[in-house]
Each structure stands twice: as C-alpha cells, then as structure tokens.
C-alpha cells in the first residue's frame, strides 16, 4: 500500500519533494527515524544500473538534450518565454 503524506507529516521540510510511505519488510519503527531527522528514501526511476542503461540507450539512438544557458540578469525574460512556450 502506498500513499502520499500530507504536509503536516513533513513539518519543517520545504524542499517540495513528494513523500510516499510504503510497508517495509522488516517493519521500521518510525520513532527511530524522528531523532536526527533521519529518512528512508528510494528512487521511482531505478538505480545506477537502470540509469546507465538509459544513458547507453540514448547514446545508441542519438537522443540528446538541448540546453539553453542564460545569464541571471535575463531570468525575468526567460520566465516570460517559458510562459509563452518560447523555449528550446
């Protein structure tokens, strides 16, 4: 069973990342996580092996990124362009 935790369960966290809970085996005592703000995390997109497989696939098939670098002074203009879908 997986569920998204609402805001109050993550009080003090402001990184905007969604938090999900899942039953674990063996069970985890939540009280042990509170001390020192520990957390258990995972990746929904796989680990290192899957990432490398994806990078290899992209290299073999010519899939590349298109990045536009702008100076910080142009951030307002860039934001307006994003609103107009005028981006690379």
Protein backbone atom coordinates (compact mmCIF):
# COMPACT_ATOMS: atom_id res chain seq x y z
CA UNK A 1 0.00 0.00 0.00
CA UNK A 2 1.42 3.39 -0.99
CA UNK A 3 0.06 6.79 -0.04
CA UNK A 4 1.21 10.37 -0.33
CA UNK A 5 1.83 12.02 3.01
CA UNK A 6 0.09 15.35 3.59
CA UNK A 7 2.05 18.46 4.55
CA UNK A 8 1.78 18.22 8.37
CA UNK A 9 3.55 14.85 8.38
CA UNK A 10 6.54 16.57 6.82
CA UNK A 11 6.60 19.67 9.03
CA UNK A 12 9.84 21.60 8.67
CA UNK A 13 10.65 20.23 5.23
CA UNK A 14 10.50 22.77 2.43
CA UNK A 15 12.24 21.07 -0.48
CA UNK A 16 8.92 20.46 -2.25
CA UNK A 17 9.62 16.75 -2.84
CA UNK A 18 6.58 14.49 -2.51
CA UNK A 19 6.86 11.96 0.28
CA UNK A 20 5.48 8.46 -0.02
CA UNK A 21 5.11 5.72 2.53
CA UNK A 22 5.20 2.01 1.94
CA UNK A 23 5.11 -1.01 4.21
CA UNK A 24 8.61 -2.31 4.71
CA UNK A 25 9.97 -5.73 5.48
CA UNK A 26 11.21 -5.84 8.16
CA UNK A 27 8.94 -3.18 9.68
CA UNK A 28 10.56 0.17 10.51
CA UNK A 29 9.93 1.81 13.86
CA UNK A 30 9.06 5.39 12.94
CA UNK A 31 10.17 6.68 16.33
CA UNK A 32 13.74 5.70 15.42
CA UNK A 33 13.58 7.97 12.35
CA UNK A 34 12.46 11.08 14.23
CA UNK A 35 15.67 11.52 16.19
CA UNK A 36 18.17 13.37 14.00
CA UNK A 37 15.60 13.79 11.17
CA UNK A 38 16.58 10.53 9.50
CA UNK A 39 14.69 9.30 6.48
CA UNK A 40 14.40 6.29 4.23
CA UNK A 41 14.34 7.18 0.56
CA UNK A 42 14.26 5.43 -2.77
CA UNK A 43 14.01 6.19 -6.42
CA UNK A 44 10.99 5.74 -8.61
CA UNK A 45 13.20 5.65 -11.71
CA UNK A 46 15.57 2.89 -10.68
CA UNK A 47 19.14 2.76 -9.50
CA UNK A 48 22.56 3.20 -11.06
CA UNK A 49 22.23 0.20 -13.40
CA UNK A 50 18.95 1.49 -14.86
CA UNK A 51 20.37 4.99 -15.22
CA UNK A 52 23.40 3.70 -17.11
CA UNK A 53 21.16 1.57 -19.32
CA UNK A 54 19.11 4.67 -20.17
CA UNK A 55 22.25 6.71 -20.92
CA UNK A 56 23.57 3.92 -23.18
CA UNK A 57 20.20 3.73 -24.97
CA UNK A 58 20.26 7.49 -25.57
CA UNK A 59 23.83 7.33 -26.89
CA UNK A 60 22.99 4.46 -29.27
CA UNK A 61 19.88 6.19 -30.63
CA UNK A 62 21.14 9.77 -30.81
CA UNK A 63 18.85 11.07 -28.09
CA UNK A 64 20.38 14.32 -26.81
CA UNK A 65 19.34 17.23 -24.65
CA UNK A 66 19.02 20.80 -25.87
CA UNK A 67 20.09 23.25 -23.18
CA UNK A 68 19.85 27.00 -23.31
CA UNK A 69 22.08 28.82 -20.83
CA UNK A 70 21.03 32.33 -19.91
CA UNK A 71 22.67 34.93 -17.69
CA UNK A 72 20.99 35.58 -14.35
CA UNK A 73 20.21 39.12 -15.49
CA UNK A 74 17.81 37.64 -18.09
CA UNK A 75 15.85 35.46 -15.67
CA UNK A 76 12.67 37.56 -15.88
CA UNK A 77 12.69 37.42 -19.68
CA UNK A 78 13.36 33.67 -19.55
CA UNK A 79 10.39 33.16 -17.25
CA UNK A 80 8.15 35.11 -19.60
CA UNK A 81 9.40 32.99 -22.51
CA UNK A 82 8.55 29.83 -20.60
CA UNK A 83 5.00 31.12 -20.11
CA UNK A 84 4.77 31.61 -23.91
CA UNK A 85 6.34 28.19 -24.68
CA UNK A 86 9.15 30.05 -26.44
CA UNK A 87 11.93 27.84 -25.18
CA UNK A 88 14.29 25.26 -26.65
